[in-house]
Protein backbone atom coordinates (compact mmCIF):
# COMPACT_ATOMS: atom_id res chain seq x y z
CA MET A 1 39.63 75.39 29.21
CA PRO A 2 36.71 76.03 26.93
CA LYS A 3 36.95 75.12 23.87
CA ARG A 4 37.15 77.59 21.12
CA ALA A 5 34.27 78.42 18.69
CA ASP A 6 34.81 78.14 15.07
CA LEU A 7 33.65 80.86 13.38
CA SER A 8 34.18 79.51 9.74
CA ASP A 9 30.90 79.58 8.43
CA THR A 10 29.55 82.52 10.50
CA TYR A 11 28.03 85.01 8.44
CA CYS A 12 29.87 87.70 10.25
CA PRO A 13 33.10 88.92 7.40
CA VAL A 14 35.11 89.53 10.63
CA GLY A 15 34.59 86.56 12.83
CA ARG A 16 35.00 84.50 9.50
CA SER A 17 38.35 86.89 9.59
CA ALA A 18 39.07 85.95 12.23
CA GLU A 19 38.99 82.55 11.89
CA LEU A 20 42.06 82.56 9.30
CA LEU A 21 43.99 85.27 10.27
CA GLY A 22 43.12 85.30 14.38
CA ASP A 23 46.01 83.28 15.66
CA ARG A 24 50.17 85.06 15.42
CA ALA A 25 51.77 81.99 14.06
CA VAL A 26 49.66 82.97 10.52
CA LEU A 27 50.07 86.45 10.78
CA LEU A 28 53.67 86.27 11.30
CA LEU A 29 54.21 83.41 8.77
CA LEU A 30 52.70 86.14 6.05
CA ARG A 31 54.84 88.85 7.53
CA GLU A 32 57.89 86.70 6.01
CA LEU A 33 56.04 85.74 2.41
CA PHE A 34 55.89 89.83 2.30
CA PHE A 35 58.99 90.19 2.60
CA GLY A 36 59.67 87.07 0.47
CA ARG A 37 60.87 85.14 2.65
CA ARG A 38 60.47 81.89 0.65
CA ARG A 39 61.39 78.64 2.28
CA PHE A 40 60.29 77.03 5.41
CA GLU A 41 63.94 77.21 7.45
CA ALA A 42 64.34 80.81 7.15
CA MET A 43 60.97 81.46 8.04
CA VAL A 44 61.37 79.29 11.28
CA ALA A 45 64.48 81.35 12.10
CA ASN A 46 62.88 84.47 11.31
CA THR A 47 59.54 84.12 13.27
CA GLY A 48 61.23 81.76 16.62
CA LEU A 49 57.95 79.45 15.68
CA GLY A 50 58.69 75.86 16.48
CA PRO A 51 58.52 73.62 12.40
CA GLN A 52 55.61 71.47 13.38
CA LEU A 53 53.84 75.05 14.09
CA VAL A 54 55.26 76.79 10.93
CA SER A 55 54.53 73.45 8.70
CA ALA A 56 51.44 73.43 9.74
CA ARG A 57 50.57 76.79 8.84
CA LEU A 58 52.29 77.08 6.23
CA LYS A 59 49.25 73.99 5.14
CA LEU A 60 46.67 76.50 6.62
CA LEU A 61 47.98 78.75 4.33
CA VAL A 62 47.58 77.15 1.01
CA SER A 63 44.62 75.13 1.70
CA GLU A 64 42.66 78.11 2.20
CA GLY A 65 44.23 79.27 -1.44
CA ILE A 66 46.32 82.19 0.46
CA ALA A 67 49.89 80.68 -0.59
CA GLU A 68 51.26 77.64 -2.54
CA ARG A 69 53.86 75.78 -2.29
CA ARG A 70 56.59 75.50 -5.16
CA ALA A 71 58.81 72.80 -5.44
CA TYR A 72 62.49 73.92 -5.83
CA SER A 73 64.18 71.08 -5.40
CA GLU A 74 63.96 67.77 -6.23
CA ARG A 75 66.86 65.44 -4.26
CA PRO A 76 66.31 66.48 -1.78
CA VAL A 77 62.08 67.13 -1.94
CA ARG A 78 62.40 71.06 -1.15
CA ASN A 79 59.57 73.77 -1.39
CA ASP A 80 59.30 77.32 -1.26
CA TYR A 81 55.75 78.70 -0.53
CA TRP A 82 54.37 81.85 -2.68
CA LEU A 83 51.42 84.40 -2.23
CA THR A 84 49.04 84.17 -4.56
CA ASP A 85 46.31 86.81 -5.58
CA LYS A 86 44.24 86.31 -2.44
CA GLY A 87 47.42 86.08 -0.35
CA LYS A 88 48.31 89.22 -1.69
CA ALA A 89 45.36 91.06 -0.72
CA LEU A 90 45.55 90.42 2.49
CA PHE A 91 48.69 93.29 1.81
CA GLU A 92 46.32 95.91 2.84
CA VAL A 93 45.56 94.20 5.97
CA LEU A 94 49.04 93.70 7.33
CA TYR A 95 50.71 97.08 6.60
CA ALA A 96 47.64 98.55 8.67
CA MET A 97 48.65 96.78 11.33
CA ARG A 98 52.51 97.50 11.05
CA ASN A 99 51.01 101.30 10.81
CA TRP A 100 48.55 100.80 14.23
CA ALA A 101 51.26 99.75 15.93
CA GLU A 102 54.01 102.45 14.76
CA ARG A 103 51.58 104.75 16.24
CA TRP A 104 50.37 103.16 19.70
CA ALA A 105 51.89 99.36 20.65
CA TYR A 106 55.15 101.00 21.56
CA ALA A 107 55.99 102.71 25.09
CA PRO A 108 57.06 106.27 24.69
CA GLY A 109 60.55 106.82 24.11
CA GLU A 110 60.91 103.19 22.93
CA THR A 111 61.25 104.33 19.54
CA ALA A 112 63.29 107.63 19.55
CA GLY A 113 65.44 106.29 16.10
CA GLY A 114 62.35 106.03 14.20
CA PRO A 115 59.99 103.21 13.51
CA ALA A 116 60.89 99.56 12.93
CA ILE A 117 60.41 99.51 9.05
CA ARG A 118 60.95 102.48 7.35
CA TYR A 119 59.01 102.22 3.76
CA ILE A 120 59.91 103.20 0.82
CA HIS A 121 58.01 103.89 -2.00
CA ARG A 122 59.25 101.58 -4.97
CA ALA A 123 58.28 104.25 -7.94
CA CYS A 124 59.37 107.39 -6.64
CA GLY A 125 61.82 107.11 -3.76
CA ALA A 126 59.68 108.82 -1.60
CA ASP A 127 59.29 107.76 2.62
CA VAL A 128 55.71 106.71 2.90
CA GLY A 129 56.07 106.39 6.70
CA THR A 130 52.56 105.28 7.48
CA ALA A 131 50.27 106.74 4.57
CA ASN A 132 48.26 104.77 1.90
CA ILE A 133 48.67 106.99 -0.63
CA CYS A 134 52.86 108.14 -1.27
CA PRO A 135 53.43 111.24 -0.44
CA GLY A 136 55.91 111.93 -3.10
CA CYS A 137 53.83 111.35 -6.20
CA GLY A 138 50.46 111.01 -4.84
CA ALA A 139 50.27 106.78 -6.06
CA GLN A 140 47.79 104.74 -4.34
CA LEU A 141 50.19 101.71 -2.32
CA GLY A 142 49.33 98.08 -2.23
CA TYR A 143 50.74 94.96 -2.82
CA GLY A 144 54.91 94.91 -4.34
CA ASP A 145 54.89 98.61 -4.20
CA LEU A 146 57.41 99.54 -1.04
CA LYS A 147 60.80 98.21 0.06
CA GLY A 148 61.06 98.02 3.46
CA GLN A 149 63.87 99.12 5.51
CA PRO A 150 64.21 97.74 9.39
CA SER A 151 65.54 99.77 12.09
CA PRO A 152 69.36 99.47 13.28
CA ALA A 153 67.64 97.90 16.30
CA LEU A 154 65.33 95.77 14.41
CA ALA A 155 67.90 94.31 11.90
CA ALA A 156 69.88 93.61 15.00
CA GLU A 157 67.01 92.04 17.11
CA GLN A 158 66.41 89.53 13.56
CA ALA A 159 70.06 88.85 13.05
CA ALA A 160 70.33 87.77 16.89
CA ARG A 161 67.24 85.58 16.69
CA ILE A 162 69.00 83.75 13.21
CA GLY A 163 72.21 83.18 15.26
C-alpha cells in the first residue's frame, strides 16, 4: 500500500486541515468533546474506537493545541480533556458536517422521525434545525450556544454501544 502524503507543510489550507481533521477518530473525539464528554473511558465507549487509538488521537489533539489534559485524580492519576479556544473554533466545521449529513447522508425515509440530533438554542429555546442563525431570535450560532437532543434512534444506538 502506498504511503500517504504528509500535507502538514503545504500552503493549501484545505490540505493542512485535512492532515489533522481527515482522520475519522479525530472527528469522533471532537464530537465527544463538543458534547461535554471529557473522560477517556466515556470517549472509548461512545466512539467504539479502541483505547490505543483514542489515546493516540487525544495526544495528537493535545500536541496541536486543540485540547488540553487536566488532572482530576491524583491516585490513581486520571485526566480529562477540554477543548481550547483553538478546539472550540472547530465547532463550525463539525456543525457544518452534521448539517450536511442530516440533509444528504441518509436514505429516503431513514430519518422519518426527524433529525438524528435536534439542536435547541440555549438563549431562546428555539429549534434551530440546520440553521447557522437562530430562527427564533436571529443570533449567530456558535460554540456553546446549542443544546443537542439525540433522537430516540440515536439515543438507543448510543446506549447499546455503551452496554
